[in-house]
Amino acid sequence: MSGYHAGGIRAISSEWRDESAHVLRAEAVLSATLPTPSQTEIARLATLGFKMGLLIRNDQQILSLVASAEPSEEDRQVSQDLAAAFGTPAGSVWVGRIFRKPPVPSYPVVNVAEYPLELVLSGADPPQMIPVPVRYGNNASFAQSYLTALWFVQRPRGDGR
């Protein structure tokens, strides 16, 4: 199976959940492109799901991350794999996330799978760029392959900072 060959994250919106505590809710869409989609590939990819990592600051915490209405959970082994594969810049930490149930994509065009994302982040000070490598939800390392994405967490509208 050829798998996805390109990906990205498109920011949609952000809002303060609790501005005084710097808790922000951000929405975006993860897109992944198949080189030559077939019904077999699309069906198989929907059952594989994916895992992802987010490089955030040490003083931040991911309170929740949802893809296509499926909640994720932090996974220490994925976090360790991300650090081993990419290194960790000073002042940052990799947070690996897995989905117990594969998120179901929509297909706005035949070869592009899209997953709505919702992130709740504490310690937020937008705007912020968050590197987000993604790969199928399997046991292979990010060192073997991954899709690159960069999540631009926007400043909420009306935020005068």
Protein backbone atom coordinates (compact mmCIF):
# COMPACT_ATOMS: atom_id res chain seq x y z
CA MET A 1 0.00 0.00 0.00
CA SER A 2 1.42 3.36 -0.98
CA GLY A 3 -0.08 5.40 1.89
CA TYR A 4 -0.32 9.15 2.23
CA HIS A 5 2.36 11.21 0.58
CA ALA A 6 1.57 14.75 1.74
CA GLY A 7 -0.12 16.35 4.68
CA GLY A 8 -0.82 19.59 6.42
CA ILE A 9 -2.88 21.37 9.05
CA ARG A 10 -5.15 24.30 8.21
CA ALA A 11 -6.06 26.50 11.19
CA ILE A 12 -9.76 27.33 11.49
CA SER A 13 -10.26 29.28 14.72
CA SER A 14 -9.26 29.67 18.34
CA GLU A 15 -10.96 30.92 21.48
CA TRP A 16 -10.05 31.31 25.10
CA ARG A 17 -11.51 28.64 27.38
CA ASP A 18 -10.04 30.48 30.35
CA GLU A 19 -7.97 33.51 29.39
CA SER A 20 -6.68 34.20 32.91
CA ALA A 21 -5.33 30.62 33.08
CA HIS A 22 -4.10 30.75 29.46
CA VAL A 23 -6.29 27.82 28.37
CA LEU A 24 -7.03 27.99 24.66
CA ARG A 25 -9.25 25.89 22.39
CA ALA A 26 -8.08 25.73 18.76
CA GLU A 27 -9.78 24.13 15.75
CA ALA A 28 -8.06 23.03 12.57
CA VAL A 29 -8.24 20.44 9.79
CA LEU A 30 -5.57 17.80 9.18
CA SER A 31 -5.36 16.90 5.48
CA ALA A 32 -3.54 13.92 4.01
CA THR A 33 -3.18 13.17 0.31
CA LEU A 34 -3.14 9.70 -1.25
CA PRO A 35 -1.04 9.36 -4.41
CA THR A 36 -3.41 6.89 -6.14
CA PRO A 37 -6.51 6.27 -4.10
CA SER A 38 -8.50 3.09 -4.45
CA GLN A 39 -11.50 1.93 -2.46
CA THR A 40 -9.32 -0.78 -0.88
CA GLU A 41 -6.69 1.76 0.26
CA ILE A 42 -9.31 4.17 1.57
CA ALA A 43 -11.06 1.40 3.51
CA ARG A 44 -7.77 0.12 4.97
CA LEU A 45 -6.54 3.57 5.97
CA ALA A 46 -9.80 4.25 7.79
CA THR A 47 -9.17 1.21 9.99
CA LEU A 48 -5.49 2.00 10.67
CA GLY A 49 -6.00 5.42 12.17
CA PHE A 50 -2.92 7.47 13.00
CA LYS A 51 -0.69 8.70 15.78
CA MET A 52 0.76 12.15 16.08
CA GLY A 53 3.18 14.24 18.07
CA LEU A 54 3.08 17.87 19.06
CA LEU A 55 6.17 19.87 20.02
CA ILE A 56 5.04 22.28 22.72
CA ARG A 57 6.78 24.39 25.34
CA ASN A 58 7.75 22.83 28.69
CA ASP A 59 5.27 25.08 30.49
CA GLN A 60 2.34 23.92 28.34
CA GLN A 61 0.04 20.93 28.61
CA ILE A 62 -2.36 19.34 26.14
CA LEU A 63 -5.64 19.02 28.03
CA SER A 64 -7.36 17.32 25.08
CA LEU A 65 -6.87 16.59 21.40
CA VAL A 66 -9.74 15.25 19.28
CA ALA A 67 -9.73 14.18 15.61
CA SER A 68 -13.02 13.59 13.79
CA ALA A 69 -14.78 13.52 17.18
CA GLU A 70 -12.45 10.75 18.46
CA PRO A 71 -10.49 11.62 21.61
CA SER A 72 -6.78 10.94 21.81
CA GLU A 73 -4.67 10.08 24.78
CA GLU A 74 -1.06 10.76 25.61
CA ASP A 75 1.32 7.86 25.02
CA ARG A 76 4.77 7.93 26.66
CA GLN A 77 6.29 5.48 24.16
CA VAL A 78 5.21 7.67 21.24
CA SER A 79 6.62 10.73 23.05
CA GLN A 80 9.95 8.94 23.55
CA ASP A 81 10.02 7.84 19.90
CA LEU A 82 9.43 11.43 18.75
CA ALA A 83 12.29 12.71 20.93
CA ALA A 84 14.61 9.98 19.62
CA ALA A 85 13.64 10.61 15.99
CA PHE A 86 13.71 14.42 15.98
CA GLY A 87 15.56 15.56 19.09
CA THR A 88 14.02 18.02 21.50
CA PRO A 89 14.88 21.73 21.44
CA ALA A 90 15.65 23.35 24.81
CA GLY A 91 12.49 24.53 26.53
CA SER A 92 10.25 22.15 24.56
CA VAL A 93 8.72 18.71 24.98
CA TRP A 94 7.28 16.18 22.56
CA VAL A 95 3.79 14.95 23.40
CA GLY A 96 2.79 11.76 21.59
CA ARG A 97 -0.93 11.15 21.08
CA ILE A 98 -2.76 7.99 20.01
CA PHE A 99 -6.38 7.27 19.16
CA ARG A 100 -7.91 4.07 20.54
CA LYS A 101 -10.56 4.20 17.83
CA PRO A 102 -9.44 5.34 14.35
CA PRO A 103 -10.76 8.81 13.47
CA VAL A 104 -12.97 8.67 10.38
CA PRO A 105 -11.92 11.06 7.61
CA SER A 106 -14.08 12.89 5.13
CA TYR A 107 -12.98 13.09 1.49
CA PRO A 108 -13.63 16.55 0.00
CA VAL A 109 -11.86 15.27 -3.12
CA VAL A 110 -11.19 11.63 -3.96
CA ASN A 111 -7.53 11.55 -2.89
CA VAL A 112 -7.59 13.88 0.14
CA ALA A 113 -8.58 12.65 3.60
CA GLU A 114 -9.52 15.37 6.09
CA TYR A 115 -9.83 15.12 9.86
CA PRO A 116 -11.29 18.00 11.91
CA LEU A 117 -9.04 18.66 14.93
CA GLU A 118 -9.74 20.31 18.27
CA LEU A 119 -6.92 21.08 20.69
CA VAL A 120 -7.26 22.41 24.23
CA LEU A 121 -3.90 23.76 25.37
CA SER A 122 -2.95 25.21 28.75
CA GLY A 123 -0.12 27.69 29.01
CA ALA A 124 -1.08 29.09 25.62
CA ASP A 125 0.34 32.42 24.46
CA PRO A 126 -0.77 32.70 20.83
CA PRO A 127 0.17 33.02 18.11
CA GLN A 128 2.24 29.83 18.20
CA MET A 129 3.61 27.42 15.61
CA ILE A 130 3.45 23.77 16.71
CA PRO A 131 5.29 21.10 14.68
CA VAL A 132 3.02 18.05 14.29
CA PRO A 133 4.43 14.90 12.64
CA VAL A 134 1.75 12.31 11.87
CA ARG A 135 1.97 8.64 10.89
CA TYR A 136 -0.33 5.65 10.73
CA GLY A 137 -1.36 4.28 14.11
CA ASN A 138 1.01 1.36 14.13
CA ASN A 139 4.15 0.36 16.01
CA ALA A 140 6.64 1.71 13.46
CA SER A 141 8.89 4.58 14.50
CA PHE A 142 8.58 8.16 13.31
CA ALA A 143 12.22 7.69 12.26
CA GLN A 144 10.96 5.42 9.44
CA SER A 145 8.36 7.76 7.95
CA TYR A 146 5.89 10.50 8.78
CA LEU A 147 3.89 13.32 7.29
CA THR A 148 4.95 16.81 8.26
CA ALA A 149 2.51 19.41 9.47
CA LEU A 150 2.76 22.74 11.22
CA TRP A 151 -0.21 23.92 13.28
CA PHE A 152 -0.48 27.69 13.48
CA VAL A 153 -2.42 28.31 16.68
CA GLN A 154 -4.04 31.67 16.08
CA ARG A 155 -4.68 34.48 18.52
CA PRO A 156 -8.42 34.55 19.26
CA ARG A 157 -10.38 37.26 17.47
CA GLY A 158 -10.70 40.39 19.54
CA ASP A 159 -7.58 39.54 21.56
CA GLY A 160 -5.74 42.86 21.69
CA ARG A 161 -2.40 41.44 22.75
